[in-house]
């Protein structure tokens, strides 16, 4: 498992709608082992292996993260924002923040990081319905004119956190949701090729999952896959304030999570369980009574319909400014999915009964 790549994904800001910088990381890494790299109109990067194969397996992990976009700068130089995705704005009060300012210089995109902090006050802390429009970022500017030399409307804003290791193979950073999933599908594709995979592999680092679903729809409609695996995160139940009876008992470091849902394919789940048993990969389970709220839901409904499985990564503190995951879970997800790619056959019967 290439931790250097994981750290690069996590430390590179890719707020939903501005995912380009991380997609450039994907292109640089996958060019050495893929047959083709597809960049589509919405910004997906699809790393393709065995393009001529009859069986096409679409892997999806979304590269976008929750955050904010700059909407305006007031006369005192303070920056105002709008949410991009399911942020809980109150968590950013008093937190270190960063703004990524993009500009074009001689035909090339240049990205500059601007340091900031989420403003804090007694009134803000007391407000029960604190929203994104209430969050204000202080970048130290003395007035609007100075601030606008460094930031622009539309710039990405997020918490300023980087990867830190914790005990027991756990680690923390912002946006493990779902850059860890994007990392898993890229590494699973690479490993499957090393193992001699003959099926078509379409590893899509998806854009827009947190805001629109645009990336998953484009990929499903254009690739027309035989089947698809979405890799996302799911709530771990082994931390304060959680309840295993809600969706299932899920713990960090205890392995990948399979989803039982009307949206997921029973035969694909059965194959994944069989592989896990043979390879001694521990599995956990979650239940989604309806939609899974992942890219799998979107791809399922493209074309004439796509059979989908959801493999999830246990995560603590989802959609916060600092989340917690486990390295072993990532390694086991990579192994499980790479083996699935090897086992899938063009004549696989996805029907739940005959």
Protein backbone atom coordinates (compact mmCIF):
# COMPACT_ATOMS: atom_id res chain seq x y z
CA UNK A 1 0.00 0.00 0.00
CA UNK A 2 1.48 3.30 -1.11
CA UNK A 3 1.10 5.57 1.92
CA UNK A 4 2.88 8.42 0.13
CA UNK A 5 0.03 8.50 -2.40
CA UNK A 6 -2.56 8.35 0.38
CA UNK A 7 -0.96 11.31 2.15
CA UNK A 8 -0.80 13.26 -1.10
CA UNK A 9 -4.53 12.70 -1.70
CA UNK A 10 -5.44 13.68 1.85
CA UNK A 11 -3.24 16.76 2.03
CA UNK A 12 -4.32 18.12 -1.36
CA UNK A 13 -7.44 20.29 -1.15
CA UNK A 14 -10.21 19.10 -3.49
CA UNK A 15 -13.42 20.73 -2.29
CA UNK A 16 -16.38 19.57 -4.37
CA UNK A 17 -16.40 21.51 -7.62
CA UNK A 18 -12.65 22.22 -7.43
CA UNK A 19 -11.17 18.71 -7.62
CA UNK A 20 -8.58 19.39 -10.34
CA UNK A 21 -5.47 19.49 -8.14
CA UNK A 22 -6.08 16.01 -6.79
CA UNK A 23 -7.03 14.66 -10.19
CA UNK A 24 -3.60 15.81 -11.38
CA UNK A 25 -2.14 13.61 -8.61
CA UNK A 26 -4.18 10.67 -9.96
CA UNK A 27 -2.98 11.22 -13.52
CA UNK A 28 0.65 11.39 -12.45
CA UNK A 29 0.44 8.18 -10.41
CA UNK A 30 -1.62 5.97 -12.74
CA UNK A 31 0.15 6.79 -16.00
CA UNK A 32 2.77 4.11 -15.36
CA UNK A 33 0.37 1.16 -15.16
CA UNK A 34 -2.77 2.09 -17.12
CA UNK A 35 -3.53 1.66 -20.81
CA UNK A 36 -5.57 4.84 -21.04
CA UNK A 37 -6.49 7.82 -18.88
CA UNK A 38 -9.87 9.38 -19.56
CA UNK A 39 -10.72 12.92 -18.45
CA UNK A 40 -14.40 13.63 -19.08
CA UNK A 41 -16.40 16.83 -19.30
CA UNK A 42 -17.23 17.00 -15.58
CA UNK A 43 -13.67 16.30 -14.40
CA UNK A 44 -13.69 12.58 -13.65
CA UNK A 45 -10.40 10.78 -14.17
CA UNK A 46 -10.94 7.16 -15.24
CA UNK A 47 -7.80 5.03 -15.20
CA UNK A 48 -8.34 2.18 -17.65
CA UNK A 49 -6.66 -1.25 -17.77
CA UNK A 50 -7.52 -3.90 -20.40
CA UNK A 51 -9.78 -1.58 -22.38
CA UNK A 52 -10.66 -4.25 -24.97
CA UNK A 53 -11.92 -6.76 -22.41
CA UNK A 54 -15.54 -7.91 -22.64
CA UNK A 55 -16.17 -7.63 -18.89
CA UNK A 56 -15.90 -4.02 -17.68
CA UNK A 57 -15.67 -3.37 -13.94
CA UNK A 58 -16.20 0.21 -12.85
CA UNK A 59 -14.55 1.12 -9.54
CA UNK A 60 -15.68 4.36 -7.88
CA UNK A 61 -14.16 6.34 -5.03
CA UNK A 62 -14.97 10.04 -4.88
CA UNK A 63 -12.07 12.45 -4.80
CA UNK A 64 -14.08 15.50 -3.74
CA UNK A 65 -14.33 16.65 -0.13
CA UNK A 66 -16.77 18.75 1.83
CA UNK A 67 -15.82 22.36 2.45
CA UNK A 68 -16.80 25.86 1.45
CA UNK A 69 -16.51 28.29 -1.45
CA UNK A 70 -15.82 32.01 -1.11
CA UNK A 71 -18.91 34.10 -1.84
CA UNK A 72 -17.77 37.59 -0.87
CA UNK A 73 -15.31 39.76 1.04
CA UNK A 74 -16.62 42.51 3.29
CA UNK A 75 -15.21 46.02 3.69
CA UNK A 76 -13.07 44.97 6.65
CA UNK A 77 -11.40 42.18 4.66
CA UNK A 78 -13.25 39.26 6.23
CA UNK A 79 -14.13 36.37 3.93
CA UNK A 80 -17.67 34.97 3.71
CA UNK A 81 -18.47 31.51 2.40
CA UNK A 82 -21.12 29.07 1.21
CA UNK A 83 -21.04 25.35 1.99
CA UNK A 84 -20.04 22.74 -0.59
CA UNK A 85 -21.44 19.47 0.70
CA UNK A 86 -22.70 18.38 4.10
CA UNK A 87 -20.51 20.47 6.38
CA UNK A 88 -21.44 21.24 9.98
CA UNK A 89 -20.37 24.86 10.05
CA UNK A 90 -20.15 25.21 13.82
CA UNK A 91 -17.17 22.81 13.90
CA UNK A 92 -15.11 25.43 12.05
CA UNK A 93 -15.49 28.21 14.62
CA UNK A 94 -12.00 29.05 15.89
CA UNK A 95 -10.41 26.40 13.66
CA UNK A 96 -7.38 26.88 11.40
CA UNK A 97 -8.64 27.29 7.84
CA UNK A 98 -7.11 27.47 4.38
CA UNK A 99 -8.25 29.07 1.15
CA UNK A 100 -6.91 27.81 -2.16
CA UNK A 101 -6.76 30.71 -4.59
CA UNK A 102 -6.55 29.75 -8.25
CA UNK A 103 -5.40 32.00 -11.05
CA UNK A 104 -4.14 31.51 -14.58
CA UNK A 105 -0.57 32.62 -15.27
CA UNK A 106 0.76 32.27 -18.81
CA UNK A 107 -1.88 29.67 -19.59
CA UNK A 108 -1.20 27.54 -16.51
CA UNK A 109 -3.25 27.18 -13.34
CA UNK A 110 -1.40 28.40 -10.26
CA UNK A 111 -2.78 27.56 -6.80
CA UNK A 112 -1.78 29.54 -3.75
CA UNK A 113 -2.69 28.66 -0.18
CA UNK A 114 -3.98 31.54 1.97
CA UNK A 115 -3.97 30.92 5.72
CA UNK A 116 -6.97 31.85 7.80
CA UNK A 117 -8.97 31.09 10.92
CA UNK A 118 -12.68 30.69 11.53
CA UNK A 119 -13.77 33.74 13.48
CA UNK A 120 -15.12 33.06 16.95
CA UNK A 121 -17.30 35.00 19.38
CA UNK A 122 -19.62 34.28 22.29
CA UNK A 123 -22.64 34.96 20.08
CA UNK A 124 -21.43 32.49 17.43
CA UNK A 125 -20.83 29.77 20.02
CA UNK A 126 -24.26 30.27 21.57
CA UNK A 127 -26.15 30.20 18.27
CA UNK A 128 -27.95 26.86 17.98
CA UNK A 129 -28.69 27.14 14.27
CA UNK A 130 -25.23 28.31 13.19
CA UNK A 131 -24.96 27.81 9.40
CA UNK A 132 -22.47 28.28 6.60
CA UNK A 133 -23.63 31.84 6.02
CA UNK A 134 -22.68 32.64 9.62
CA UNK A 135 -19.10 31.40 9.23
CA UNK A 136 -16.52 34.15 8.64
CA UNK A 137 -12.87 33.59 7.78
CA UNK A 138 -10.16 35.96 9.02
CA UNK A 139 -7.10 36.00 6.74
CA UNK A 140 -5.52 38.99 8.48
CA UNK A 141 -6.32 41.51 5.75
CA UNK A 142 -6.77 45.15 6.80
CA UNK A 143 -9.55 45.80 4.27
CA UNK A 144 -11.42 44.44 1.26
CA UNK A 145 -8.89 45.71 -1.26
CA UNK A 146 -6.02 43.86 0.38
CA UNK A 147 -8.04 40.65 0.80
CA UNK A 148 -9.05 40.61 -2.88
CA UNK A 149 -5.40 40.57 -3.87
CA UNK A 150 -5.22 37.09 -2.35
CA UNK A 151 -8.70 35.50 -2.63
CA UNK A 152 -11.54 35.49 -5.16
CA UNK A 153 -15.16 34.46 -5.32
CA UNK A 154 -15.33 30.70 -5.93
CA UNK A 155 -12.07 29.81 -4.17
CA UNK A 156 -12.09 26.60 -2.11
CA UNK A 157 -12.08 26.81 1.69
CA UNK A 158 -11.57 23.98 4.19
CA UNK A 159 -10.02 23.17 7.55
CA UNK A 160 -6.22 23.28 7.62
CA UNK A 161 -5.38 19.79 8.86
CA UNK A 162 -2.82 17.25 7.66
CA UNK A 163 -2.33 13.54 8.27
CA UNK A 164 -1.34 12.53 11.81
CA UNK A 165 -0.82 8.98 13.02
CA UNK A 166 -2.68 7.81 16.12
CA UNK A 167 -2.36 4.61 18.15
CA UNK A 168 -3.14 1.10 16.85
CA UNK A 169 -2.69 1.87 13.12
CA UNK A 170 -5.30 4.62 13.26
CA UNK A 171 -4.76 7.99 11.63
CA UNK A 172 -6.56 11.30 11.34
CA UNK A 173 -7.03 14.06 8.75
CA UNK A 174 -9.87 15.96 7.18
CA UNK A 175 -11.67 14.41 4.19
CA UNK A 176 -10.94 10.74 4.68
CA UNK A 177 -14.45 10.80 3.20
CA UNK A 178 -13.77 9.80 0.54
CA UNK A 179 -10.17 10.31 -0.51
CA UNK A 180 -9.45 7.01 1.23
CA UNK A 181 -11.96 5.39 -1.14
CA UNK A 182 -10.33 7.02 -4.14
CA UNK A 183 -6.99 5.72 -2.89
CA UNK A 184 -8.37 2.19 -2.43
CA UNK A 185 -9.71 1.89 -5.99
CA UNK A 186 -6.48 3.14 -7.53
CA UNK A 187 -4.38 0.71 -5.50
CA UNK A 188 -6.83 -2.15 -6.13
CA UNK A 189 -6.60 -1.55 -9.88
CA UNK A 190 -2.80 -1.48 -9.75
CA UNK A 191 -2.64 -4.65 -7.65
CA UNK A 192 -5.13 -6.48 -9.88
CA UNK A 193 -2.98 -5.72 -12.91
CA UNK A 194 0.11 -7.02 -11.09
CA UNK A 195 -1.81 -10.22 -10.38
CA UNK A 196 -2.60 -10.68 -14.09
CA UNK A 197 -6.18 -9.42 -14.34
CA UNK A 198 -7.79 -9.86 -17.76
CA UNK A 199 -11.05 -8.01 -17.07
CA UNK A 200 -11.48 -4.38 -18.01
CA UNK A 201 -10.78 -2.14 -15.04
CA UNK A 202 -12.16 1.40 -15.00
CA UNK A 203 -10.94 3.07 -11.80
CA UNK A 204 -12.85 6.33 -11.52
CA UNK A 205 -11.80 8.97 -9.00
CA UNK A 206 -15.23 10.54 -8.99
CA UNK A 207 -16.04 14.23 -8.76
CA UNK A 208 -19.09 15.85 -7.20
CA UNK A 209 -20.37 13.10 -4.92
CA UNK A 210 -20.77 15.45 -1.99
CA UNK A 211 -22.84 17.96 -3.93
CA UNK A 212 -24.45 16.68 -7.12
CA UNK A 213 -23.66 13.11 -8.17
CA UNK A 214 -22.55 14.44 -11.53
CA UNK A 215 -19.35 12.40 -11.75
CA UNK A 216 -20.95 9.02 -11.09
CA UNK A 217 -23.68 9.64 -13.64
CA UNK A 218 -21.22 10.60 -16.37
CA UNK A 219 -19.04 7.57 -15.66
CA UNK A 220 -21.88 5.07 -15.59
CA UNK A 221 -23.52 6.49 -18.72
CA UNK A 222 -20.30 6.59 -20.73
CA UNK A 223 -18.39 3.51 -19.58
CA UNK A 224 -21.51 1.27 -19.66
CA UNK A 225 -19.94 -1.16 -17.19
CA UNK A 226 -20.82 -4.81 -16.67
CA UNK A 227 -20.90 -4.07 -12.93
CA UNK A 228 -19.62 -1.49 -10.48
CA UNK A 229 -18.14 -1.33 -7.00
CA UNK A 230 -18.48 1.88 -5.03
CA UNK A 231 -15.92 2.39 -2.26
CA UNK A 232 -16.99 4.96 0.30
CA UNK A 233 -16.83 5.43 4.06
CA UNK A 234 -19.40 4.39 6.65
CA UNK A 235 -20.10 5.32 10.25
CA UNK A 236 -18.04 3.42 12.79
CA UNK A 237 -20.07 2.48 15.85
CA UNK A 238 -17.10 2.26 18.22
CA UNK A 239 -16.90 5.91 19.25
CA UNK A 240 -18.91 8.19 21.57
CA UNK A 241 -22.43 9.09 20.51
CA UNK A 242 -23.00 6.18 18.13
CA UNK A 243 -25.42 3.28 18.23
CA UNK A 244 -24.70 -0.06 16.54
CA UNK A 245 -28.43 -0.75 16.24
CA UNK A 246 -28.83 2.10 13.74
CA UNK A 247 -27.14 0.46 10.73
CA UNK A 248 -24.82 -2.23 12.15
CA UNK A 249 -21.83 -2.84 14.39
CA UNK A 250 -18.76 -1.41 12.64
CA UNK A 251 -15.34 -0.98 14.24
CA UNK A 252 -12.06 0.55 13.10
CA UNK A 253 -9.41 -2.01 12.22
CA UNK A 254 -11.91 -4.85 11.82
CA UNK A 255 -12.03 -4.90 8.04
CA UNK A 256 -14.11 -3.80 5.03
CA UNK A 257 -17.86 -3.31 5.38
CA UNK A 258 -20.37 -4.87 2.96
CA UNK A 259 -23.73 -3.20 2.56
CA UNK A 260 -27.03 -5.09 2.57
CA UNK A 261 -29.54 -2.95 0.70
CA UNK A 262 -32.10 -3.11 -2.05
CA UNK A 263 -29.62 -1.04 -4.04
CA UNK A 264 -26.80 -3.61 -3.87
CA UNK A 265 -26.52 -6.86 -5.84
CA UNK A 266 -26.86 -10.06 -3.79
CA UNK A 267 -24.69 -12.14 -6.12
CA UNK A 268 -21.86 -9.62 -6.04
CA UNK A 269 -22.04 -9.54 -2.25
CA UNK A 270 -21.91 -13.34 -2.18
CA UNK A 271 -18.78 -13.36 -4.33
CA UNK A 272 -17.13 -10.74 -2.12
CA UNK A 273 -17.95 -12.82 0.98
CA UNK A 274 -16.52 -15.95 -0.66
CA UNK A 275 -13.30 -14.15 -1.54
CA UNK A 276 -12.97 -12.71 1.96
CA UNK A 277 -13.34 -16.17 3.52
CA UNK A 278 -10.71 -17.66 1.22
CA UNK A 279 -8.25 -14.82 1.79
CA UNK A 280 -8.87 -14.49 5.54
CA UNK A 281 -10.08 -10.93 5.13
CA UNK A 282 -12.38 -9.97 8.02
CA UNK A 283 -15.71 -8.51 6.95
CA UNK A 284 -18.22 -6.29 8.68
CA UNK A 285 -21.77 -5.51 7.61
CA UNK A 286 -24.10 -2.55 7.45
CA UNK A 287 -27.73 -2.21 6.41
CA UNK A 288 -29.25 0.54 4.26
CA UNK A 289 -33.02 0.37 4.25
CA UNK A 290 -33.24 2.40 1.06
CA UNK A 291 -30.59 4.36 -0.79
CA UNK A 292 -26.98 4.01 0.28
CA UNK A 293 -26.26 7.72 -0.36
CA UNK A 294 -23.16 6.88 -2.37
CA UNK A 295 -22.19 7.01 -6.04
CA UNK A 296 -23.46 3.44 -6.29
CA UNK A 297 -27.05 4.71 -6.20
CA UNK A 298 -26.43 6.97 -9.18
CA UNK A 299 -24.61 4.41 -11.34
CA UNK A 300 -27.27 1.79 -10.63
CA UNK A 301 -29.76 3.84 -12.64
CA UNK A 302 -27.60 4.61 -15.67
CA UNK A 303 -28.10 2.99 -19.07
CA UNK A 304 -30.13 -0.21 -18.82
CA UNK A 305 -29.14 -0.56 -15.14
CA UNK A 306 -25.83 -1.53 -13.54
CA UNK A 307 -25.39 -4.17 -10.80
CA UNK A 308 -23.62 -2.51 -7.88
CA UNK A 309 -21.84 -3.52 -4.68
CA UNK A 310 -20.80 -1.14 -1.93
CA UNK A 311 -17.58 -1.76 -0.01
CA UNK A 312 -17.19 0.73 2.82
CA UNK A 313 -14.31 1.89 4.98
CA UNK A 314 -15.05 2.34 8.71
CA UNK A 315 -14.79 5.99 9.73
CA UNK A 316 -15.15 7.96 12.93
CA UNK A 317 -16.48 11.55 12.98
CA UNK A 318 -17.69 11.66 9.37
CA UNK A 319 -18.24 15.13 7.90
CA UNK A 320 -16.25 16.83 10.63
CA UNK A 321 -13.11 18.93 10.32
CA UNK A 322 -10.96 15.92 11.37
CA UNK A 323 -11.94 12.29 10.77
CA UNK A 324 -10.32 9.03 11.96
CA UNK A 325 -9.64 5.84 9.98
CA UNK A 326 -7.40 2.77 10.11
CA UNK A 327 -4.59 1.68 7.77
CA UNK A 328 -5.41 -2.04 8.07
CA UNK A 329 -8.94 -1.46 6.82
CA UNK A 330 -7.57 0.22 3.70
CA UNK A 331 -5.13 -2.63 3.01
CA UNK A 332 -7.89 -5.22 3.33
CA UNK A 333 -10.26 -3.26 1.09
CA UNK A 334 -7.55 -3.13 -1.57
CA UNK A 335 -6.94 -6.87 -1.35
CA UNK A 336 -10.66 -7.73 -1.44
CA UNK A 337 -11.43 -5.60 -4.49
CA UNK A 338 -8.36 -6.68 -6.43
CA UNK A 339 -9.39 -10.32 -5.95
CA UNK A 340 -12.95 -9.51 -7.06
CA UNK A 341 -11.55 -8.11 -10.29
CA UNK A 342 -9.67 -11.36 -10.87
CA UNK A 343 -12.69 -13.60 -10.13
CA UNK A 344 -15.41 -11.80 -12.07
CA UNK A 345 -16.39 -13.58 -15.32
CA UNK A 346 -18.09 -12.19 -18.44
CA UNK A 347 -20.92 -14.72 -17.99
CA UNK A 348 -21.46 -13.98 -14.27
CA UNK A 349 -25.17 -14.29 -13.44
CA UNK A 350 -26.20 -11.22 -11.48
CA UNK A 351 -29.82 -12.37 -11.08
CA UNK A 352 -30.79 -12.98 -7.44
CA UNK A 353 -32.86 -16.03 -8.39
CA UNK A 354 -33.75 -18.11 -11.44
